[in-house]
C-alpha cells in the first residue's frame, strides 16, 4: 500500500500512468529506504538529538488532533480578550530626498529645507533624487535608518524636512505627507486572522493537556554525578 501511494503521487505530479520501469524504480527506492532505516536502528543511530526532535515534533502533531473551529461566541470572546494585540501602530507616508552630496549642503538648499520647499524646488537647487516611502510604522522606519531618526520623523511638524541621515547613497531628508493614528480594527475586518489565532491557541492548549497526561505514565529518574 505504501508503494502504491508513492506511485499514485508520482502519477499525479506527472499527469501520466507510471510505466512498469518507473514502478519498479519506485519500489526499489522504497525497499532501500526501509533497509537503511532498519540498519540505522540496529546501529542505534536513532539515539540522536536531531532525530529525537523530529520525533517529538511529529508526536506533537499527532497529539494536537483534528483541526477545530471556533463558534461565534468563542471568536468574539477571544477577540475581546486579546484586543490590544490587534491594535495597529501609527503609520506615515513620507517623501524622501537623497542628496548625492555627502558634505554640508549649500546655503540656498538648506534654506529651502527650512522653508519646507517641495521636492522639485529642492532638486532644482541640489543634485539628488526623490522617493515616496509608503505607509511605514516607526519600527519599519527604524529598520531602514535608526531609532533616533525614526523618532524625529514621527514627531516632525507639518511640512518639516528631517535630516540629514547619511548613507553610502548620500544624505537622506524625509518629510511626512500623511499620518495615520493607531487604531484597532473591528472583528469583521480581521475575522480570519482572529480565527487562526484562536485555532493556534486552542491547539496548543489541547496539546499541552495531552502532554500533561503523558507525565502520569512515566517515572523519571535523572542519572549523573549527583544522582543517589
N, C-alpha and C. Protein backbone atom coordinates (compact mmCIF):
# COMPACT_ATOMS: atom_id res chain seq x y z
N UNK A 1 0.83 -1.21 0.00
CA UNK A 1 0.00 0.00 0.00
C UNK A 1 0.86 1.26 0.00
N UNK A 2 1.99 1.21 0.70
CA UNK A 2 2.90 2.36 0.72
C UNK A 2 3.49 2.59 -0.66
N UNK A 3 3.85 1.51 -1.34
CA UNK A 3 4.40 1.64 -2.69
C UNK A 3 3.34 2.19 -3.64
N UNK A 4 2.11 1.68 -3.53
CA UNK A 4 1.03 2.17 -4.39
C UNK A 4 0.78 3.65 -4.17
N UNK A 5 0.86 4.09 -2.90
CA UNK A 5 0.65 5.50 -2.59
C UNK A 5 1.73 6.36 -3.23
N UNK A 6 2.97 5.88 -3.21
CA UNK A 6 4.06 6.65 -3.81
C UNK A 6 3.94 6.68 -5.34
N UNK A 7 3.50 5.58 -5.91
CA UNK A 7 3.29 5.54 -7.36
C UNK A 7 2.20 6.52 -7.74
N UNK A 8 1.10 6.55 -6.97
CA UNK A 8 -0.01 7.46 -7.25
C UNK A 8 0.44 8.91 -7.16
N UNK A 9 1.30 9.21 -6.20
CA UNK A 9 1.81 10.57 -6.04
C UNK A 9 2.62 10.99 -7.26
N UNK A 10 3.47 10.09 -7.75
CA UNK A 10 4.27 10.39 -8.95
C UNK A 10 3.38 10.55 -10.17
N UNK A 11 2.37 9.69 -10.29
CA UNK A 11 1.46 9.78 -11.43
C UNK A 11 0.69 11.09 -11.41
N UNK A 12 0.29 11.54 -10.21
CA UNK A 12 -0.44 12.82 -10.11
C UNK A 12 0.43 13.99 -10.51
N UNK A 13 1.70 13.95 -10.09
CA UNK A 13 2.61 15.06 -10.41
C UNK A 13 2.97 15.09 -11.89
N UNK A 14 3.08 13.91 -12.52
CA UNK A 14 3.45 13.84 -13.92
C UNK A 14 2.24 13.89 -14.85
N UNK A 15 1.07 13.53 -14.32
CA UNK A 15 -0.14 13.53 -15.14
C UNK A 15 -0.23 12.35 -16.10
N UNK A 16 0.59 11.32 -15.86
CA UNK A 16 0.58 10.13 -16.72
C UNK A 16 0.64 8.88 -15.84
N UNK A 17 0.29 7.74 -16.41
CA UNK A 17 0.37 6.48 -15.70
C UNK A 17 1.82 6.01 -15.63
N UNK A 18 2.22 5.53 -14.46
CA UNK A 18 3.60 5.08 -14.28
C UNK A 18 3.87 3.84 -15.11
N UNK A 19 5.00 3.84 -15.79
CA UNK A 19 5.39 2.68 -16.59
C UNK A 19 5.89 1.59 -15.65
N UNK A 20 5.94 0.35 -16.13
CA UNK A 20 6.48 -0.75 -15.29
C UNK A 20 7.89 -0.44 -14.80
N UNK A 21 8.70 0.19 -15.65
CA UNK A 21 10.07 0.53 -15.25
C UNK A 21 10.07 1.54 -14.10
N UNK A 22 9.21 2.58 -14.21
CA UNK A 22 9.14 3.58 -13.15
C UNK A 22 8.60 2.97 -11.87
N UNK A 23 7.59 2.11 -11.99
CA UNK A 23 7.04 1.46 -10.79
C UNK A 23 8.12 0.61 -10.11
N UNK A 24 8.91 -0.08 -10.92
CA UNK A 24 9.99 -0.90 -10.35
C UNK A 24 11.02 -0.02 -9.64
N UNK A 25 11.32 1.15 -10.23
CA UNK A 25 12.29 2.07 -9.62
C UNK A 25 11.76 2.60 -8.29
N UNK A 26 10.48 2.97 -8.27
CA UNK A 26 9.87 3.47 -7.02
C UNK A 26 9.89 2.38 -5.96
N UNK A 27 9.57 1.15 -6.35
CA UNK A 27 9.59 0.03 -5.41
C UNK A 27 10.98 -0.20 -4.85
N UNK A 28 11.98 -0.14 -5.72
CA UNK A 28 13.36 -0.35 -5.29
C UNK A 28 13.80 0.72 -4.29
N UNK A 29 13.47 1.97 -4.59
CA UNK A 29 13.84 3.06 -3.68
C UNK A 29 13.17 2.91 -2.32
N UNK A 30 11.91 2.47 -2.34
CA UNK A 30 11.19 2.28 -1.07
C UNK A 30 11.85 1.16 -0.25
N UNK A 31 12.17 0.05 -0.91
CA UNK A 31 12.79 -1.06 -0.20
C UNK A 31 14.17 -0.68 0.34
N UNK A 32 14.94 0.07 -0.45
CA UNK A 32 16.24 0.52 0.03
C UNK A 32 16.09 1.42 1.26
N UNK A 33 15.08 2.28 1.22
CA UNK A 33 14.82 3.16 2.35
C UNK A 33 14.52 2.35 3.60
N UNK A 34 13.65 1.33 3.46
CA UNK A 34 13.30 0.50 4.60
C UNK A 34 14.50 -0.27 5.14
N UNK A 35 15.35 -0.75 4.24
CA UNK A 35 16.55 -1.46 4.68
C UNK A 35 17.48 -0.52 5.45
N UNK A 36 17.64 0.69 4.93
CA UNK A 36 18.53 1.65 5.59
C UNK A 36 18.00 2.03 6.97
N UNK A 37 16.67 2.18 7.08
CA UNK A 37 16.09 2.51 8.38
C UNK A 37 16.36 1.39 9.38
N UNK A 38 16.18 0.14 8.96
CA UNK A 38 16.40 -0.99 9.86
C UNK A 38 17.87 -1.10 10.27
N UNK A 39 18.78 -0.85 9.31
CA UNK A 39 20.20 -0.88 9.64
C UNK A 39 20.56 0.24 10.62
N UNK A 40 19.94 1.42 10.41
CA UNK A 40 20.20 2.55 11.30
C UNK A 40 19.73 2.23 12.72
N UNK A 41 18.57 1.59 12.84
CA UNK A 41 18.07 1.21 14.16
C UNK A 41 18.97 0.17 14.82
N UNK A 42 19.46 -0.74 14.00
CA UNK A 42 20.38 -1.75 14.53
C UNK A 42 21.65 -1.11 15.09
N UNK A 43 22.13 -0.07 14.41
CA UNK A 43 23.33 0.64 14.86
C UNK A 43 23.04 1.70 15.91
N UNK A 44 21.77 1.77 16.34
CA UNK A 44 21.37 2.74 17.37
C UNK A 44 21.55 4.18 16.92
N UNK A 45 21.41 4.43 15.60
CA UNK A 45 21.59 5.79 15.09
C UNK A 45 20.40 6.70 15.38
N UNK A 46 19.31 6.10 15.87
CA UNK A 46 18.16 6.93 16.24
C UNK A 46 18.39 7.65 17.55
N UNK A 47 19.45 7.27 18.27
CA UNK A 47 19.76 7.92 19.53
C UNK A 47 20.55 9.20 19.24
N UNK A 48 19.84 10.14 18.63
CA UNK A 48 20.46 11.38 18.16
C UNK A 48 19.51 12.54 18.48
N UNK A 49 20.06 13.64 18.93
CA UNK A 49 19.23 14.78 19.36
C UNK A 49 18.34 15.28 18.23
N UNK A 50 18.85 15.29 17.00
CA UNK A 50 18.05 15.78 15.88
C UNK A 50 16.89 14.83 15.57
N UNK A 51 17.16 13.52 15.66
CA UNK A 51 16.10 12.54 15.43
C UNK A 51 15.05 12.65 16.54
N UNK A 52 15.51 12.81 17.77
CA UNK A 52 14.57 12.96 18.89
C UNK A 52 13.68 14.18 18.69
N UNK A 53 14.27 15.26 18.21
CA UNK A 53 13.49 16.48 18.00
C UNK A 53 12.43 16.26 16.92
N UNK A 54 12.80 15.56 15.84
CA UNK A 54 11.85 15.28 14.77
C UNK A 54 10.71 14.40 15.27
N UNK A 55 11.04 13.39 16.06
CA UNK A 55 10.01 12.50 16.59
C UNK A 55 9.09 13.24 17.56
N UNK A 56 9.69 14.10 18.39
CA UNK A 56 8.88 14.86 19.34
C UNK A 56 7.92 15.79 18.61
N UNK A 57 8.41 16.44 17.54
CA UNK A 57 7.55 17.33 16.77
C UNK A 57 6.42 16.55 16.10
N UNK A 58 6.74 15.36 15.61
CA UNK A 58 5.70 14.55 14.97
C UNK A 58 4.65 14.12 15.99
N UNK A 59 5.10 13.77 17.20
CA UNK A 59 4.15 13.40 18.25
C UNK A 59 3.27 14.59 18.65
N UNK A 60 3.83 15.78 18.62
CA UNK A 60 3.02 16.96 18.93
C UNK A 60 1.90 17.11 17.91
N UNK A 61 2.20 16.86 16.64
CA UNK A 61 1.16 16.94 15.60
C UNK A 61 0.11 15.86 15.82
N UNK A 62 0.55 14.67 16.22
CA UNK A 62 -0.39 13.58 16.46
C UNK A 62 -1.29 13.90 17.65
N UNK A 63 -0.69 14.41 18.72
CA UNK A 63 -1.46 14.68 19.94
C UNK A 63 -2.39 15.87 19.80
N UNK A 64 -2.04 16.83 18.91
CA UNK A 64 -2.88 18.03 18.79
C UNK A 64 -4.21 17.71 18.14
N UNK A 65 -4.31 16.56 17.46
CA UNK A 65 -5.60 16.10 16.96
C UNK A 65 -6.09 16.84 15.74
N UNK A 66 -7.42 16.80 15.58
CA UNK A 66 -8.04 17.33 14.37
C UNK A 66 -8.11 18.85 14.39
N UNK A 67 -8.29 19.44 13.20
CA UNK A 67 -8.46 20.88 13.09
C UNK A 67 -9.81 21.27 13.69
N UNK A 68 -9.81 22.29 14.50
CA UNK A 68 -11.03 22.73 15.18
C UNK A 68 -11.37 24.14 14.74
N UNK A 69 -12.63 24.51 14.91
CA UNK A 69 -13.10 25.83 14.51
C UNK A 69 -13.89 26.44 15.65
N UNK A 70 -13.73 27.75 15.88
CA UNK A 70 -14.48 28.41 16.95
C UNK A 70 -15.90 28.75 16.51
N UNK A 71 -16.83 28.78 17.47
CA UNK A 71 -18.15 29.32 17.14
C UNK A 71 -18.11 30.83 17.32
N UNK A 72 -19.21 31.50 17.04
CA UNK A 72 -19.21 32.97 17.04
C UNK A 72 -18.91 33.54 18.43
N UNK A 73 -19.47 32.93 19.47
CA UNK A 73 -19.23 33.42 20.83
C UNK A 73 -17.77 33.26 21.22
N UNK A 74 -17.17 32.13 20.87
CA UNK A 74 -15.76 31.89 21.20
C UNK A 74 -14.87 32.88 20.45
N UNK A 75 -15.21 33.15 19.21
CA UNK A 75 -14.41 34.08 18.41
C UNK A 75 -14.48 35.49 19.00
N UNK A 76 -15.67 35.92 19.36
CA UNK A 76 -15.85 37.25 19.93
C UNK A 76 -15.13 37.38 21.27
N UNK A 77 -15.23 36.34 22.09
CA UNK A 77 -14.57 36.36 23.40
C UNK A 77 -13.06 36.42 23.24
N UNK A 78 -12.52 35.67 22.30
CA UNK A 78 -11.07 35.67 22.07
C UNK A 78 -10.62 37.04 21.58
N UNK A 79 -11.38 37.63 20.67
CA UNK A 79 -11.06 38.96 20.16
C UNK A 79 -11.06 39.99 21.29
N UNK A 80 -12.07 39.95 22.16
CA UNK A 80 -12.17 40.89 23.27
C UNK A 80 -11.01 40.74 24.25
N UNK A 81 -10.62 39.49 24.52
CA UNK A 81 -9.54 39.24 25.48
C UNK A 81 -8.17 39.65 24.94
N UNK A 82 -8.02 39.62 23.62
CA UNK A 82 -6.71 39.91 23.02
C UNK A 82 -6.73 41.15 22.14
N UNK A 83 -7.66 42.04 22.40
CA UNK A 83 -7.88 43.18 21.51
C UNK A 83 -6.64 44.07 21.38
N UNK A 84 -5.84 44.17 22.45
CA UNK A 84 -4.65 45.02 22.39
C UNK A 84 -3.65 44.53 21.36
N UNK A 85 -3.59 43.21 21.15
CA UNK A 85 -2.61 42.66 20.20
C UNK A 85 -2.98 42.95 18.75
N UNK A 86 -4.22 43.36 18.52
CA UNK A 86 -4.67 43.65 17.15
C UNK A 86 -4.61 45.15 16.83
N UNK A 87 -4.16 45.93 17.78
CA UNK A 87 -4.07 47.38 17.55
C UNK A 87 -2.94 47.66 16.57
N UNK A 88 -3.22 48.45 15.57
CA UNK A 88 -2.20 48.80 14.58
C UNK A 88 -1.42 50.02 15.07
N UNK A 89 -0.11 50.07 14.84
CA UNK A 89 0.69 51.22 15.27
C UNK A 89 0.47 52.41 14.35
N UNK A 90 0.82 53.61 14.80
CA UNK A 90 0.75 54.77 13.91
C UNK A 90 1.63 54.56 12.67
N UNK A 91 1.18 55.04 11.54
CA UNK A 91 1.95 54.91 10.31
C UNK A 91 2.02 56.25 9.58
N UNK A 92 3.00 56.35 8.70
CA UNK A 92 3.16 57.57 7.90
C UNK A 92 3.45 57.19 6.46
N UNK A 93 3.15 58.12 5.56
CA UNK A 93 3.67 58.11 4.20
C UNK A 93 4.59 59.31 4.10
N UNK A 94 5.81 59.10 3.63
CA UNK A 94 6.80 60.18 3.66
C UNK A 94 7.46 60.38 2.31
N UNK A 95 7.79 61.65 2.03
CA UNK A 95 8.64 61.98 0.89
C UNK A 95 10.09 61.87 1.33
N UNK A 96 10.91 61.36 0.45
CA UNK A 96 12.34 61.22 0.75
C UNK A 96 13.15 61.85 -0.37
N UNK A 97 14.05 62.72 0.02
CA UNK A 97 15.01 63.29 -0.93
C UNK A 97 16.40 62.79 -0.52
N UNK A 98 17.13 62.27 -1.50
CA UNK A 98 18.51 61.83 -1.26
C UNK A 98 19.43 62.74 -2.05
N UNK A 99 20.14 63.60 -1.35
CA UNK A 99 21.13 64.45 -2.00
C UNK A 99 22.42 63.66 -2.15
N UNK A 100 23.00 63.70 -3.35
CA UNK A 100 24.21 62.94 -3.62
C UNK A 100 25.42 63.52 -2.90
N UNK A 101 25.32 64.73 -2.45
CA UNK A 101 26.41 65.40 -1.76
C UNK A 101 26.53 64.87 -0.33
N UNK A 102 27.71 64.34 0.03
CA UNK A 102 27.94 63.87 1.39
C UNK A 102 28.39 65.00 2.32
N UNK A 103 28.76 66.11 1.73
CA UNK A 103 29.20 67.25 2.54
C UNK A 103 28.00 68.13 2.90
N UNK A 104 28.29 69.20 3.63
CA UNK A 104 27.21 70.11 4.02
C UNK A 104 26.58 70.74 2.78
N UNK A 105 25.25 70.83 2.80
CA UNK A 105 24.53 71.39 1.66
C UNK A 105 24.76 72.89 1.56
N UNK A 106 24.55 73.41 0.37
CA UNK A 106 24.73 74.84 0.17
C UNK A 106 23.67 75.61 0.95
N UNK A 107 23.97 76.86 1.22
CA UNK A 107 23.03 77.70 1.99
C UNK A 107 21.66 77.80 1.32
N UNK A 108 21.57 77.97 -0.02
CA UNK A 108 20.24 78.04 -0.64
C UNK A 108 19.42 76.76 -0.43
N UNK A 109 20.09 75.60 -0.53
CA UNK A 109 19.36 74.34 -0.34
C UNK A 109 18.92 74.20 1.11
N UNK A 110 19.80 74.56 2.02
CA UNK A 110 19.46 74.48 3.44
C UNK A 110 18.29 75.39 3.77
N UNK A 111 18.25 76.56 3.17
CA UNK A 111 17.14 77.48 3.43
C UNK A 111 15.84 76.92 2.87
N UNK A 112 15.91 76.29 1.70
CA UNK A 112 14.71 75.68 1.12
C UNK A 112 14.17 74.57 2.03
N UNK A 113 15.08 73.80 2.60
CA UNK A 113 14.66 72.75 3.53
C UNK A 113 13.99 73.34 4.76
N UNK A 114 14.56 74.41 5.28
CA UNK A 114 13.98 75.07 6.45
C UNK A 114 12.60 75.62 6.13
N UNK A 115 12.44 76.11 4.91
CA UNK A 115 11.16 76.69 4.50
C UNK A 115 10.12 75.63 4.13
N UNK A 116 10.53 74.34 4.09
CA UNK A 116 9.58 73.29 3.73
C UNK A 116 9.26 73.28 2.26
N UNK A 117 10.24 73.59 1.44
CA UNK A 117 10.02 73.64 -0.02
C UNK A 117 9.68 72.26 -0.56
N UNK A 118 8.98 72.25 -1.71
CA UNK A 118 8.63 70.98 -2.34
C UNK A 118 9.85 70.35 -3.01
N UNK A 119 9.80 69.04 -3.27
CA UNK A 119 10.96 68.33 -3.83
C UNK A 119 11.48 68.90 -5.14
N UNK A 120 10.58 69.33 -6.02
CA UNK A 120 11.06 69.83 -7.32
C UNK A 120 11.93 71.06 -7.16
N UNK A 121 11.59 71.92 -6.21
CA UNK A 121 12.41 73.10 -5.95
C UNK A 121 13.76 72.70 -5.36
N UNK A 122 13.75 71.73 -4.47
CA UNK A 122 14.99 71.27 -3.84
C UNK A 122 15.92 70.62 -4.85
N UNK A 123 15.35 69.81 -5.75
CA UNK A 123 16.18 69.13 -6.73
C UNK A 123 16.69 70.09 -7.80
N UNK A 124 16.00 71.22 -7.98
CA UNK A 124 16.49 72.24 -8.90
C UNK A 124 17.70 72.96 -8.32
N UNK A 125 17.78 72.94 -6.97
CA UNK A 125 18.89 73.65 -6.31
C UNK A 125 20.03 72.72 -5.92
N UNK A 126 19.76 71.44 -5.85
CA UNK A 126 20.81 70.49 -5.46
C UNK A 126 20.59 69.14 -6.14
N UNK A 127 21.66 68.47 -6.54
CA UNK A 127 21.57 67.22 -7.27
C UNK A 127 21.14 66.08 -6.34
N UNK A 128 20.13 65.33 -6.79
CA UNK A 128 19.67 64.22 -5.97
C UNK A 128 18.50 63.51 -6.60
N UNK A 129 17.75 62.76 -5.79
CA UNK A 129 16.59 62.01 -6.27
C UNK A 129 15.50 62.05 -5.20
N UNK A 130 14.28 61.79 -5.63
CA UNK A 130 13.15 61.83 -4.71
C UNK A 130 12.41 60.49 -4.75
N UNK A 131 11.95 60.05 -3.60
CA UNK A 131 11.18 58.81 -3.48
C UNK A 131 10.00 59.04 -2.55
N UNK A 132 9.06 58.09 -2.59
CA UNK A 132 7.96 58.08 -1.64
C UNK A 132 8.06 56.81 -0.82
N UNK A 133 8.09 56.96 0.49
CA UNK A 133 8.13 55.80 1.39
C UNK A 133 6.70 55.50 1.82
N UNK A 134 6.14 54.37 1.38
CA UNK A 134 4.72 54.11 1.63
C UNK A 134 4.43 53.49 2.99
N UNK A 135 3.53 54.06 3.69
CA UNK A 135 2.89 53.52 4.91
C UNK A 135 3.82 52.67 5.77
N UNK A 136 4.65 53.38 6.52
CA UNK A 136 5.60 52.73 7.41
C UNK A 136 5.26 53.04 8.86
N UNK A 137 5.46 52.07 9.76
CA UNK A 137 5.38 52.39 11.18
C UNK A 137 6.78 52.72 11.67
N UNK A 138 6.88 53.13 12.92
CA UNK A 138 8.17 53.60 13.44
C UNK A 138 9.22 52.49 13.45
N UNK A 139 8.79 51.26 13.72
CA UNK A 139 9.73 50.15 13.74
C UNK A 139 10.30 49.89 12.35
N UNK A 140 9.44 49.94 11.35
CA UNK A 140 9.91 49.72 9.97
C UNK A 140 10.85 50.83 9.53
N UNK A 141 10.54 52.06 9.91
CA UNK A 141 11.42 53.17 9.55
C UNK A 141 12.75 53.06 10.28
N UNK A 142 12.71 52.58 11.52
CA UNK A 142 13.94 52.37 12.29
C UNK A 142 14.83 51.34 11.61
N UNK A 143 14.21 50.31 11.03
CA UNK A 143 14.99 49.28 10.34
C UNK A 143 15.67 49.84 9.10
N UNK A 144 15.04 50.83 8.46
CA UNK A 144 15.65 51.45 7.29
C UNK A 144 16.78 52.38 7.68
N UNK A 145 16.61 53.08 8.80
CA UNK A 145 17.61 54.06 9.23
C UNK A 145 18.08 53.72 10.65
N UNK A 146 17.51 54.38 11.65
CA UNK A 146 17.78 54.04 13.05
C UNK A 146 16.65 54.61 13.91
N UNK A 147 16.64 54.23 15.18
CA UNK A 147 15.55 54.60 16.08
C UNK A 147 15.46 56.11 16.25
N UNK A 148 16.60 56.76 16.44
CA UNK A 148 16.61 58.20 16.68
C UNK A 148 16.02 58.97 15.49
N UNK A 149 16.44 58.59 14.28
CA UNK A 149 15.94 59.27 13.10
C UNK A 149 14.44 59.00 12.92
N UNK A 150 14.02 57.77 13.18
CA UNK A 150 12.61 57.42 13.07
C UNK A 150 11.77 58.26 14.04
N UNK A 151 12.24 58.41 15.27
CA UNK A 151 11.51 59.21 16.26
C UNK A 151 11.40 60.67 15.81
N UNK A 152 12.45 61.20 15.24
CA UNK A 152 12.43 62.59 14.77
C UNK A 152 11.40 62.77 13.66
N UNK A 153 11.34 61.80 12.74
CA UNK A 153 10.40 61.90 11.63
C UNK A 153 8.96 61.80 12.13
N UNK A 154 8.70 60.88 13.05
CA UNK A 154 7.34 60.69 13.54
C UNK A 154 6.87 61.85 14.41
N UNK A 155 7.81 62.62 14.97
CA UNK A 155 7.46 63.77 15.79
C UNK A 155 7.60 65.09 15.05
N UNK A 156 7.81 65.03 13.74
CA UNK A 156 8.03 66.24 12.96
C UNK A 156 6.75 67.07 12.83
N UNK A 157 6.95 68.35 12.62
CA UNK A 157 5.82 69.25 12.37
C UNK A 157 5.39 69.14 10.91
N UNK A 158 4.25 69.72 10.60
CA UNK A 158 3.74 69.68 9.24
C UNK A 158 4.71 70.35 8.27
N UNK A 159 5.00 69.67 7.16
CA UNK A 159 5.89 70.14 6.08
C UNK A 159 7.34 70.29 6.51
N UNK A 160 7.72 69.77 7.67
CA UNK A 160 9.09 69.90 8.16
C UNK A 160 9.97 68.80 7.58
N UNK A 161 11.09 69.20 6.96
CA UNK A 161 12.07 68.24 6.47
C UNK A 161 12.98 67.81 7.61
N UNK A 162 13.19 66.50 7.76
CA UNK A 162 14.03 65.96 8.82
C UNK A 162 15.26 65.32 8.20
N UNK A 163 16.43 65.69 8.69
CA UNK A 163 17.68 65.15 8.17
C UNK A 163 18.84 65.95 8.72
N UNK A 164 20.05 65.72 8.23
CA UNK A 164 20.37 64.67 7.25
C UNK A 164 20.62 63.32 7.93
N UNK A 165 20.25 62.26 7.25
CA UNK A 165 20.62 60.91 7.67
C UNK A 165 21.51 60.35 6.56
N UNK A 166 22.78 60.20 6.85
CA UNK A 166 23.75 59.87 5.81
C UNK A 166 23.85 58.37 5.58
N UNK A 167 24.10 58.01 4.32
CA UNK A 167 24.35 56.63 3.92
C UNK A 167 25.32 56.67 2.75
N UNK A 168 25.61 55.49 2.20
CA UNK A 168 26.52 55.45 1.04
C UNK A 168 25.90 56.11 -0.18
N UNK A 169 24.58 56.29 -0.17
CA UNK A 169 23.91 56.94 -1.30
C UNK A 169 24.02 58.45 -1.23
N UNK A 170 24.27 58.97 -0.05
CA UNK A 170 24.31 60.42 0.14
C UNK A 170 23.68 60.78 1.47
N UNK A 171 22.89 61.85 1.49
CA UNK A 171 22.19 62.24 2.71
C UNK A 171 20.69 62.27 2.46
N UNK A 172 19.97 61.64 3.39
CA UNK A 172 18.53 61.48 3.27
C UNK A 172 17.80 62.54 4.08
N UNK A 173 16.74 63.08 3.49
CA UNK A 173 15.85 64.02 4.16
C UNK A 173 14.42 63.52 3.96
N UNK A 174 13.65 63.48 5.03
CA UNK A 174 12.28 62.97 4.97
C UNK A 174 11.28 64.02 5.42
N UNK A 175 10.11 63.99 4.78
CA UNK A 175 9.00 64.86 5.18
C UNK A 175 7.71 64.04 5.14
N UNK A 176 6.93 64.12 6.21
CA UNK A 176 5.70 63.34 6.30
C UNK A 176 4.65 63.94 5.37
N UNK A 177 4.05 63.09 4.53
CA UNK A 177 2.95 63.51 3.65
C UNK A 177 1.62 63.32 4.35
N UNK A 178 1.40 62.10 4.84
CA UNK A 178 0.17 61.80 5.59
C UNK A 178 0.55 60.94 6.79
N UNK A 179 -0.25 61.05 7.82
CA UNK A 179 -0.04 60.27 9.04
C UNK A 179 -1.36 59.63 9.46
N UNK A 180 -1.27 58.39 9.88
CA UNK A 180 -2.46 57.67 10.33
C UNK A 180 -2.24 57.24 11.77
N UNK A 181 -3.17 57.60 12.64
CA UNK A 181 -3.04 57.28 14.05
C UNK A 181 -3.25 55.79 14.30
N UNK A 182 -2.83 55.36 15.46
CA UNK A 182 -3.05 53.98 15.86
C UNK A 182 -4.55 53.69 15.92
N UNK A 183 -4.95 52.49 15.52
CA UNK A 183 -6.36 52.12 15.56
C UNK A 183 -6.50 50.63 15.82
N UNK A 184 -7.68 50.26 16.28
CA UNK A 184 -7.98 48.84 16.50
C UNK A 184 -9.03 48.42 15.49
N UNK A 185 -8.69 47.53 14.55
CA UNK A 185 -9.67 47.08 13.56
C UNK A 185 -10.78 46.29 14.22
N UNK A 186 -11.95 46.35 13.63
CA UNK A 186 -13.09 45.59 14.16
C UNK A 186 -12.89 44.11 13.90
N UNK A 187 -13.66 43.30 14.59
CA UNK A 187 -13.58 41.85 14.39
C UNK A 187 -13.89 41.48 12.94
N UNK A 188 -14.84 42.17 12.33
CA UNK A 188 -15.20 41.86 10.94
C UNK A 188 -14.04 42.09 9.98
N UNK A 189 -13.23 43.11 10.26
CA UNK A 189 -12.10 43.42 9.38
C UNK A 189 -11.02 42.35 9.43
N UNK A 190 -10.84 41.72 10.59
CA UNK A 190 -9.73 40.77 10.76
C UNK A 190 -10.23 39.41 11.24
N UNK A 191 -11.44 39.08 10.83
CA UNK A 191 -12.06 37.83 11.31
C UNK A 191 -11.18 36.61 11.05
N UNK A 192 -10.63 36.49 9.87
CA UNK A 192 -9.84 35.30 9.55
C UNK A 192 -8.57 35.23 10.38
N UNK A 193 -7.94 36.37 10.60
CA UNK A 193 -6.73 36.40 11.43
C UNK A 193 -7.05 35.98 12.86
N UNK A 194 -8.16 36.49 13.41
CA UNK A 194 -8.56 36.14 14.77
C UNK A 194 -8.89 34.65 14.85
N UNK A 195 -9.56 34.15 13.83
CA UNK A 195 -9.92 32.73 13.81
C UNK A 195 -8.68 31.85 13.84
N UNK A 196 -7.67 32.19 13.03
CA UNK A 196 -6.43 31.41 13.01
C UNK A 196 -5.69 31.50 14.34
N UNK A 197 -5.71 32.68 14.95
CA UNK A 197 -5.07 32.84 16.26
C UNK A 197 -5.77 31.98 17.30
N UNK A 198 -7.11 31.95 17.25
CA UNK A 198 -7.88 31.13 18.19
C UNK A 198 -7.53 29.65 18.00
N UNK A 199 -7.46 29.20 16.74
CA UNK A 199 -7.14 27.80 16.46
C UNK A 199 -5.75 27.46 17.00
N UNK A 200 -4.77 28.34 16.76
CA UNK A 200 -3.41 28.07 17.24
C UNK A 200 -3.37 27.95 18.75
N UNK A 201 -4.06 28.85 19.44
CA UNK A 201 -4.05 28.80 20.89
C UNK A 201 -4.78 27.56 21.40
N UNK A 202 -5.91 27.24 20.78
CA UNK A 202 -6.68 26.09 21.22
C UNK A 202 -5.91 24.79 20.98
N UNK A 203 -5.22 24.70 19.85
CA UNK A 203 -4.42 23.52 19.58
C UNK A 203 -3.29 23.38 20.60
N UNK A 204 -2.65 24.51 20.94
CA UNK A 204 -1.60 24.48 21.94
C UNK A 204 -2.14 24.03 23.29
N UNK A 205 -3.32 24.53 23.65
CA UNK A 205 -3.94 24.16 24.92
C UNK A 205 -4.25 22.67 24.96
N UNK A 206 -4.84 22.17 23.90
CA UNK A 206 -5.17 20.74 23.84
C UNK A 206 -3.92 19.88 23.82
N UNK A 207 -2.91 20.34 23.08
CA UNK A 207 -1.66 19.60 23.03
C UNK A 207 -1.02 19.51 24.40
N UNK A 208 -0.98 20.62 25.11
CA UNK A 208 -0.36 20.62 26.43
C UNK A 208 -1.14 19.74 27.40
N UNK A 209 -2.46 19.70 27.23
CA UNK A 209 -3.29 18.84 28.07
C UNK A 209 -2.92 17.37 27.84
N UNK A 210 -2.71 17.01 26.56
CA UNK A 210 -2.33 15.63 26.26
C UNK A 210 -0.93 15.31 26.80
N UNK A 211 -0.02 16.26 26.68
CA UNK A 211 1.35 16.04 27.18
C UNK A 211 1.34 15.92 28.70
N UNK A 212 0.54 16.75 29.38
CA UNK A 212 0.45 16.66 30.84
C UNK A 212 -0.03 15.29 31.27
N UNK A 213 -0.94 14.70 30.51
CA UNK A 213 -1.44 13.37 30.84
C UNK A 213 -0.36 12.30 30.65
N UNK A 214 0.57 12.55 29.71
CA UNK A 214 1.65 11.60 29.50
C UNK A 214 2.55 11.47 30.72
N UNK A 215 2.68 12.57 31.49
CA UNK A 215 3.54 12.53 32.67
C UNK A 215 3.08 11.44 33.64
N UNK A 216 1.78 11.16 33.65
CA UNK A 216 1.26 10.16 34.57
C UNK A 216 1.73 8.75 34.20
N UNK A 217 2.21 8.55 32.97
CA UNK A 217 2.65 7.24 32.53
C UNK A 217 4.12 6.96 32.87
N UNK A 218 4.84 8.01 33.28
CA UNK A 218 6.28 7.87 33.42
C UNK A 218 6.75 8.15 34.84
N UNK A 219 7.78 7.40 35.23
CA UNK A 219 8.53 7.67 36.45
C UNK A 219 9.92 8.08 36.01
N UNK A 220 10.34 9.29 36.37
CA UNK A 220 11.58 9.86 35.86
C UNK A 220 12.67 9.81 36.92
N UNK A 221 13.82 9.31 36.53
CA UNK A 221 14.99 9.33 37.40
C UNK A 221 16.15 9.89 36.60
N UNK A 222 16.77 10.96 37.07
CA UNK A 222 17.88 11.62 36.38
C UNK A 222 19.19 11.06 36.92
N UNK A 223 20.01 10.50 36.05
CA UNK A 223 21.30 9.91 36.43
C UNK A 223 22.42 10.88 36.12
N UNK A 224 23.39 10.94 37.02
CA UNK A 224 24.54 11.83 36.81
C UNK A 224 25.44 11.79 38.00
N UNK A 225 26.42 12.69 38.06
CA UNK A 225 27.38 12.69 39.15
C UNK A 225 26.72 12.91 40.50
N UNK A 226 25.62 13.67 40.50
CA UNK A 226 24.97 13.98 41.77
C UNK A 226 23.81 13.04 42.10
N UNK A 227 23.59 12.06 41.23
CA UNK A 227 22.47 11.13 41.47
C UNK A 227 22.81 10.21 42.65
N UNK A 228 21.78 9.87 43.42
CA UNK A 228 21.99 8.96 44.56
C UNK A 228 22.07 7.52 44.06
